[in-house]
Protein backbone atom coordinates (compact mmCIF):
# COMPACT_ATOMS: atom_id res chain seq x y z
CA MET A 1 20.20 -3.07 -1.20
CA ARG A 2 18.38 -0.66 -3.18
CA PHE A 3 15.61 -3.16 -4.05
CA PHE A 4 15.10 -3.61 -0.39
CA ILE A 5 14.81 0.15 0.23
CA ILE A 6 12.40 0.45 -2.64
CA LEU A 7 10.55 -2.29 -1.33
CA GLY A 8 10.37 -1.21 2.18
CA TYR A 9 9.12 2.16 1.21
CA SER A 10 6.54 0.74 -1.29
CA ILE A 11 5.08 -1.55 1.10
CA LEU A 12 4.88 0.96 3.66
CA CYS A 13 3.12 3.33 1.19
CA ALA A 14 1.00 0.69 -0.36
CA LEU A 15 -0.36 -0.48 3.00
CA LEU A 16 -1.10 3.17 4.18
CA LEU A 17 -3.00 3.88 0.81
CA THR A 18 -4.90 0.65 1.30
CA LEU A 19 -6.15 1.56 4.72
CA PHE A 20 -6.78 5.04 3.36
CA SER A 21 -9.07 3.54 0.62
CA HIS A 22 -10.97 0.96 2.67
CA ILE A 23 -11.83 2.99 6.01
CA ASN A 24 -14.73 5.06 6.36
CA ASP A 25 -13.73 7.21 9.33
CA LEU A 26 -11.92 10.45 9.72
CA LEU A 27 -8.96 8.41 10.88
CA LYS A 28 -8.44 7.44 6.85
CA TYR A 29 -6.96 10.97 6.52
CA ILE A 30 -4.13 10.12 9.01
CA PHE A 31 -3.22 7.21 6.61
CA SER A 32 -3.35 9.45 3.65
CA LEU A 33 -0.93 12.02 5.30
CA GLY A 34 1.26 9.11 6.30
CA ALA A 35 1.50 7.85 2.83
CA LEU A 36 2.26 11.49 1.58
CA PHE A 37 4.91 11.81 4.19
CA THR A 38 6.54 8.33 3.43
CA GLY A 39 6.57 9.42 -0.38
CA ILE A 40 8.11 12.71 0.27
CA GLN A 41 10.69 11.13 2.98
CA PHE A 42 11.75 8.58 -0.06
CA PHE A 43 11.89 11.57 -2.67
CA LYS A 44 14.13 13.46 -0.33
CA ARG A 45 16.66 11.00 0.17
CA HIS A 46 16.83 9.32 -3.23
CA GLU A 47 17.37 11.57 -6.06
CA GLY A 48 17.68 9.00 -8.77
CA ARG A 49 15.02 9.06 -11.23
CA GLY A 50 15.14 5.33 -11.75
CA MET A 51 14.78 4.65 -8.11
CA ARG A 52 11.69 6.97 -8.02
CA ILE A 53 10.20 5.55 -10.87
CA TRP A 54 10.31 2.02 -9.55
CA PHE A 55 8.97 3.27 -6.23
CA VAL A 56 5.76 4.93 -7.77
CA VAL A 57 5.50 1.82 -9.67
CA SER A 58 5.82 -0.77 -7.19
CA THR A 59 3.52 1.08 -4.77
CA ILE A 60 0.79 1.13 -7.19
CA VAL A 61 1.00 -2.59 -7.84
CA LEU A 62 1.46 -3.41 -4.40
CA TYR A 63 -1.70 -1.24 -3.61
CA PHE A 64 -3.70 -3.13 -6.00
CA ILE A 65 -2.51 -6.58 -4.45
CA PHE A 66 -3.15 -5.34 -0.88
CA SER A 67 -6.71 -4.14 -2.01
CA VAL A 68 -7.58 -7.56 -3.62
CA ILE A 69 -6.18 -9.31 -0.44
CA TYR A 70 -8.30 -7.16 1.97
CA ALA A 71 -11.52 -7.39 -0.22
CA LEU A 72 -10.99 -11.14 -0.31
CA TYR A 73 -10.67 -11.13 3.42
CA VAL A 74 -13.88 -8.98 4.05
CA ALA A 75 -15.67 -11.24 1.54
CA ILE A 76 -14.89 -14.58 3.45
CA LYS A 77 -15.38 -12.93 6.85
CA THR A 78 -18.94 -11.70 6.02
CA GLY A 79 -19.95 -14.92 4.58
CA GLN A 80 -20.26 -13.68 0.87
CA LEU A 81 -17.38 -16.06 -0.17
CA THR A 82 -16.94 -19.51 1.55
CA PRO A 83 -13.29 -20.66 2.04
CA ALA A 84 -12.32 -23.42 0.05
CA ALA A 85 -13.00 -27.12 1.34
CA ALA A 86 -9.82 -28.98 2.30
């Protein structure tokens, strides 16, 4: 059960951070505040050191994965990278 709690919070926080890093509008700061609020809520509800460490590590790893996926999506959509032929 702990795994799914950490994974859920980490996915939400990583998605918000990914949106923050790729949007060039004033709206990006709302995503930053959302990620901060998510982290505060996680730290408030779970006091174990191990769960906090896994939350931070998994959020960072998922952030990089989501950023690569988004960069590939933009590259394919703009025509800089063609999709593989079937």
